[in-house]
Amino acid sequence: MKLIIKIKAKKIILSLYRKNKLLDEASFLDERNLSEKLLPAIDKLLQKNQLATADIQKVEVKSDIGEPFTTYRIAKSVEKAFNWAISVDN
């Protein structure tokens, strides 16, 4: 299972993929509060699909904004934390 966090035109799109097939998506507007919304949104998407965080094998960030933006840095931090936790479990 792969989770992709897309940042596009001030919109955050969370996409769940299983074997390169889109399973589900959720989206919300980035209102300068991504640090408060991102993890609960991921949790809600996983619960909706009856999945646990342990089911995620990889997290990726795809963005149309650059590294200097806080939104991007928050998403990359979540990506790195998830991927680090996945590597520790394996």
Protein backbone atom coordinates (compact mmCIF):
# COMPACT_ATOMS: atom_id res chain seq x y z
CA MET A 1 0.00 0.00 0.00
CA LYS A 2 1.38 3.40 -0.97
CA LEU A 3 0.24 6.80 0.32
CA ILE A 4 0.92 9.80 -1.89
CA ILE A 5 0.62 13.31 -0.49
CA LYS A 6 0.07 15.72 -3.39
CA ILE A 7 0.36 19.46 -2.95
CA LYS A 8 -1.12 21.27 -5.89
CA ALA A 9 -2.40 24.84 -6.11
CA LYS A 10 -3.01 25.16 -2.34
CA LYS A 11 -4.88 21.86 -2.27
CA ILE A 12 -3.71 18.75 -0.42
CA ILE A 13 -4.68 15.42 -1.98
CA LEU A 14 -4.09 12.15 -0.14
CA SER A 15 -4.11 9.13 -2.45
CA LEU A 16 -3.99 5.48 -1.41
CA TYR A 17 -2.64 3.03 -3.97
CA ARG A 18 -2.62 -0.74 -3.85
CA LYS A 19 -0.41 -2.33 -6.52
CA ASN A 20 -0.41 0.89 -8.59
CA LYS A 21 -4.22 1.04 -8.56
CA LEU A 22 -5.95 4.00 -6.92
CA LEU A 23 -7.89 2.74 -3.91
CA ASP A 24 -9.20 6.02 -2.48
CA GLU A 25 -8.51 9.75 -2.25
CA ALA A 26 -9.23 12.57 0.16
CA SER A 27 -8.51 16.25 -0.25
CA PHE A 28 -8.66 19.51 1.64
CA LEU A 29 -7.49 23.09 1.16
CA ASP A 30 -4.19 24.19 2.62
CA GLU A 31 -5.21 27.02 4.91
CA ARG A 32 -1.80 27.39 6.57
CA ASN A 33 -2.68 24.72 9.12
CA LEU A 34 -1.30 21.59 7.48
CA SER A 35 0.54 20.62 10.66
CA GLU A 36 -2.85 20.32 12.38
CA LYS A 37 -4.76 18.65 9.54
CA LEU A 38 -2.40 16.24 7.79
CA LEU A 39 -2.07 13.37 10.27
CA PRO A 40 -5.78 13.35 11.23
CA ALA A 41 -6.68 13.36 7.51
CA ILE A 42 -4.38 10.40 6.86
CA ASP A 43 -5.87 8.55 9.83
CA LYS A 44 -9.42 9.25 8.63
CA LEU A 45 -8.59 7.99 5.11
CA LEU A 46 -7.06 4.81 6.51
CA GLN A 47 -10.02 4.18 8.85
CA LYS A 48 -12.46 4.74 5.99
CA ASN A 49 -10.69 1.95 4.08
CA GLN A 50 -10.34 -0.27 7.15
CA LEU A 51 -6.55 0.02 7.09
CA ALA A 52 -3.94 0.62 9.76
CA THR A 53 -0.78 2.68 9.53
CA ALA A 54 1.12 -0.63 9.48
CA ASP A 55 -0.50 -1.36 6.09
CA ILE A 56 1.37 1.55 4.51
CA GLN A 57 4.56 0.39 2.82
CA LYS A 58 5.69 3.72 1.37
CA VAL A 59 4.81 7.40 1.54
CA GLU A 60 5.67 9.90 -1.21
CA VAL A 61 5.24 13.64 -1.54
CA LYS A 62 4.53 15.17 -4.93
CA SER A 63 4.39 18.93 -5.01
CA ASP A 64 4.15 21.88 -7.36
CA ILE A 65 5.69 24.15 -4.71
CA GLY A 66 9.32 24.28 -3.68
CA GLU A 67 11.27 23.39 -0.58
CA PRO A 68 11.23 26.90 0.93
CA PHE A 69 7.50 26.61 1.66
CA THR A 70 6.40 25.40 5.09
CA THR A 71 3.61 23.27 3.61
CA TYR A 72 6.16 21.32 1.60
CA ARG A 73 8.48 20.90 4.58
CA ILE A 74 5.65 19.61 6.79
CA ALA A 75 4.59 17.06 4.15
CA LYS A 76 8.22 15.94 3.65
CA SER A 77 8.64 15.54 7.42
CA VAL A 78 5.60 13.27 7.55
CA GLU A 79 6.92 11.32 4.56
CA LYS A 80 10.33 10.85 6.18
CA ALA A 81 8.84 9.84 9.55
CA PHE A 82 6.50 7.27 7.98
CA ASN A 83 9.22 5.82 5.76
CA TRP A 84 11.69 5.67 8.67
CA ALA A 85 9.11 3.85 10.83
CA ILE A 86 8.41 1.42 7.99
CA SER A 87 12.13 0.65 7.60
CA VAL A 88 12.52 0.05 11.35
CA ASP A 89 9.59 -2.41 11.40
CA ASN A 90 11.04 -4.48 8.54
